[in-house]
Structure formats: C-alpha cells, structure tokens
Amino acid sequence: MPEENLNIAQYVEQTAQLIDLPLAPEYQLNVVENFAKIAAIATLVVEFTLPEDIELAPVFEP
C-alpha cells in the first residue's frame, strides 16, 4: 500500500473511531480506496488556478 494510502487508512480508522462509526474490516480497504479517489479529485479542484479577472457570481435571493 503506497504511503499516501497509509495516511488515508489512518484517517479513515481514526475518523470512524471519532464519530463512533463501526467499520467492518471487510469494508475498510474499499473505504480507503474511495477516499483516495476523492482526495485525487479534490486535489484537481483545489489546485485549479482561477484567472485574476474572474468575477464572483451574484448572490441568489429567491
């Protein structure tokens, strides 16, 4: 398991304990793999550079 997945595995285990969420051992690897995918997608979003001249969207008020 790559180092990045070890950190994610620790995060999943510690968070499950913190929120008192029972996580069956047979599902733990799948949860870690999904979190790794989510982290990769989030990295793409966070690292995307917006142009300086971009304007904020107006606030929607119904």
N, C-alpha and C. Protein backbone atom coordinates (compact mmCIF):
# COMPACT_ATOMS: atom_id res chain seq x y z
N MET A 1 0.85 -1.18 0.00
CA MET A 1 0.00 0.00 0.00
C MET A 1 0.90 1.24 0.00
N PRO A 2 0.69 2.17 -0.98
CA PRO A 2 1.52 3.37 -1.04
C PRO A 2 1.38 4.22 0.23
N GLU A 3 2.40 5.03 0.48
CA GLU A 3 2.43 5.90 1.68
C GLU A 3 1.17 6.76 1.78
N GLU A 4 0.73 7.30 0.65
CA GLU A 4 -0.47 8.15 0.65
C GLU A 4 -1.68 7.37 1.16
N ASN A 5 -1.82 6.12 0.74
CA ASN A 5 -2.95 5.30 1.18
C ASN A 5 -2.83 4.94 2.65
N LEU A 6 -1.60 4.85 3.17
CA LEU A 6 -1.43 4.58 4.59
C LEU A 6 -1.97 5.75 5.41
N ASN A 7 -1.69 6.97 4.96
CA ASN A 7 -2.23 8.14 5.65
C ASN A 7 -3.74 8.16 5.57
N ILE A 8 -4.28 7.82 4.41
CA ILE A 8 -5.73 7.79 4.24
C ILE A 8 -6.32 6.68 5.10
N ALA A 9 -5.66 5.55 5.18
CA ALA A 9 -6.13 4.44 6.01
C ALA A 9 -6.17 4.87 7.48
N GLN A 10 -5.14 5.57 7.93
CA GLN A 10 -5.13 6.08 9.30
C GLN A 10 -6.27 7.08 9.51
N TYR A 11 -6.48 7.94 8.53
CA TYR A 11 -7.55 8.93 8.63
C TYR A 11 -8.90 8.25 8.75
N VAL A 12 -9.15 7.25 7.90
CA VAL A 12 -10.43 6.53 7.92
C VAL A 12 -10.63 5.86 9.27
N GLU A 13 -9.60 5.18 9.75
CA GLU A 13 -9.70 4.47 11.02
C GLU A 13 -9.95 5.43 12.18
N GLN A 14 -9.19 6.52 12.23
CA GLN A 14 -9.32 7.47 13.34
C GLN A 14 -10.65 8.22 13.28
N THR A 15 -11.09 8.56 12.08
CA THR A 15 -12.36 9.27 11.95
C THR A 15 -13.53 8.37 12.33
N ALA A 16 -13.47 7.11 11.91
CA ALA A 16 -14.53 6.17 12.28
C ALA A 16 -14.62 6.04 13.80
N GLN A 17 -13.47 5.98 14.46
CA GLN A 17 -13.48 5.92 15.92
C GLN A 17 -14.02 7.21 16.53
N LEU A 18 -13.62 8.34 15.97
CA LEU A 18 -14.03 9.64 16.49
C LEU A 18 -15.54 9.82 16.45
N ILE A 19 -16.16 9.39 15.35
CA ILE A 19 -17.61 9.56 15.22
C ILE A 19 -18.39 8.31 15.62
N ASP A 20 -17.66 7.36 16.22
CA ASP A 20 -18.27 6.12 16.71
C ASP A 20 -19.02 5.38 15.60
N LEU A 21 -18.33 5.25 14.46
CA LEU A 21 -18.89 4.56 13.30
C LEU A 21 -18.24 3.19 13.17
N PRO A 22 -19.00 2.14 13.40
CA PRO A 22 -18.40 0.81 13.24
C PRO A 22 -18.08 0.56 11.77
N LEU A 23 -16.85 0.17 11.50
CA LEU A 23 -16.41 -0.10 10.14
C LEU A 23 -15.89 -1.53 10.08
N ALA A 24 -16.67 -2.38 9.44
CA ALA A 24 -16.30 -3.80 9.37
C ALA A 24 -14.99 -3.94 8.60
N PRO A 25 -14.11 -4.80 9.08
CA PRO A 25 -12.79 -4.98 8.44
C PRO A 25 -12.88 -5.31 6.95
N GLU A 26 -13.91 -6.04 6.54
CA GLU A 26 -14.02 -6.42 5.13
C GLU A 26 -14.36 -5.22 4.23
N TYR A 27 -14.81 -4.11 4.81
CA TYR A 27 -15.13 -2.92 4.02
C TYR A 27 -14.05 -1.84 4.10
N GLN A 28 -13.15 -1.97 5.03
CA GLN A 28 -12.18 -0.91 5.28
C GLN A 28 -11.31 -0.61 4.05
N LEU A 29 -10.84 -1.61 3.35
CA LEU A 29 -9.99 -1.37 2.16
C LEU A 29 -10.77 -0.60 1.09
N ASN A 30 -12.04 -0.95 0.88
CA ASN A 30 -12.85 -0.24 -0.11
C ASN A 30 -13.07 1.21 0.29
N VAL A 31 -13.28 1.45 1.58
CA VAL A 31 -13.46 2.83 2.05
C VAL A 31 -12.19 3.63 1.83
N VAL A 32 -11.04 3.04 2.13
CA VAL A 32 -9.76 3.71 1.93
C VAL A 32 -9.54 4.01 0.44
N GLU A 33 -9.85 3.06 -0.43
CA GLU A 33 -9.70 3.28 -1.87
C GLU A 33 -10.61 4.41 -2.35
N ASN A 34 -11.84 4.45 -1.85
CA ASN A 34 -12.75 5.53 -2.24
C ASN A 34 -12.25 6.88 -1.75
N PHE A 35 -11.73 6.94 -0.53
CA PHE A 35 -11.19 8.20 -0.02
C PHE A 35 -9.98 8.63 -0.82
N ALA A 36 -9.17 7.69 -1.29
CA ALA A 36 -8.02 8.03 -2.13
C ALA A 36 -8.50 8.65 -3.44
N LYS A 37 -9.56 8.11 -4.02
CA LYS A 37 -10.12 8.68 -5.25
C LYS A 37 -10.69 10.07 -4.99
N ILE A 38 -11.40 10.22 -3.88
CA ILE A 38 -11.96 11.53 -3.53
C ILE A 38 -10.84 12.55 -3.34
N ALA A 39 -9.76 12.15 -2.69
CA ALA A 39 -8.63 13.04 -2.46
C ALA A 39 -7.99 13.47 -3.78
N ALA A 40 -7.89 12.55 -4.73
CA ALA A 40 -7.31 12.89 -6.03
C ALA A 40 -8.19 13.90 -6.77
N ILE A 41 -9.49 13.71 -6.71
CA ILE A 41 -10.41 14.64 -7.36
C ILE A 41 -10.35 16.00 -6.67
N ALA A 42 -10.35 16.00 -5.35
CA ALA A 42 -10.30 17.25 -4.59
C ALA A 42 -9.01 18.01 -4.89
N THR A 43 -7.91 17.31 -5.07
CA THR A 43 -6.64 17.94 -5.40
C THR A 43 -6.74 18.69 -6.73
N LEU A 44 -7.38 18.07 -7.71
CA LEU A 44 -7.56 18.73 -9.00
C LEU A 44 -8.37 20.02 -8.85
N VAL A 45 -9.41 19.98 -8.05
CA VAL A 45 -10.27 21.15 -7.87
C VAL A 45 -9.52 22.25 -7.12
N VAL A 46 -8.84 21.89 -6.04
CA VAL A 46 -8.16 22.88 -5.21
C VAL A 46 -6.98 23.51 -5.95
N GLU A 47 -6.28 22.75 -6.78
CA GLU A 47 -5.10 23.27 -7.47
C GLU A 47 -5.45 24.04 -8.74
N PHE A 48 -6.72 24.04 -9.15
CA PHE A 48 -7.12 24.74 -10.35
C PHE A 48 -7.00 26.24 -10.12
N THR A 49 -6.22 26.90 -10.94
CA THR A 49 -5.99 28.33 -10.79
C THR A 49 -7.05 29.11 -11.55
N LEU A 50 -7.70 30.01 -10.85
CA LEU A 50 -8.70 30.87 -11.48
C LEU A 50 -8.01 32.11 -12.03
N PRO A 51 -8.50 32.60 -13.16
CA PRO A 51 -7.92 33.83 -13.72
C PRO A 51 -8.15 35.01 -12.77
N GLU A 52 -7.25 35.98 -12.82
CA GLU A 52 -7.33 37.15 -11.94
C GLU A 52 -8.57 38.01 -12.22
N ASP A 53 -9.04 38.01 -13.48
CA ASP A 53 -10.14 38.89 -13.86
C ASP A 53 -11.51 38.24 -13.70
N ILE A 54 -11.57 37.11 -13.04
CA ILE A 54 -12.86 36.42 -12.86
C ILE A 54 -13.70 37.17 -11.82
N GLU A 55 -15.00 37.20 -12.07
CA GLU A 55 -15.91 37.89 -11.17
C GLU A 55 -16.72 36.87 -10.36
N LEU A 56 -17.04 37.24 -9.15
CA LEU A 56 -17.87 36.39 -8.31
C LEU A 56 -19.29 36.36 -8.86
N ALA A 57 -19.93 35.22 -8.69
CA ALA A 57 -21.33 35.13 -9.09
C ALA A 57 -22.18 35.93 -8.11
N PRO A 58 -23.26 36.52 -8.60
CA PRO A 58 -24.14 37.25 -7.68
C PRO A 58 -24.79 36.30 -6.69
N VAL A 59 -25.21 36.82 -5.58
CA VAL A 59 -25.85 36.03 -4.55
C VAL A 59 -27.30 35.79 -4.99
N PHE A 60 -27.73 34.56 -4.97
CA PHE A 60 -29.11 34.22 -5.34
C PHE A 60 -30.02 34.47 -4.15
N GLU A 61 -31.04 35.26 -4.35
CA GLU A 61 -32.03 35.51 -3.32
C GLU A 61 -33.40 35.24 -3.92
N PRO A 62 -34.08 34.19 -3.49
CA PRO A 62 -35.40 33.85 -4.07
C PRO A 62 -36.46 34.90 -3.77
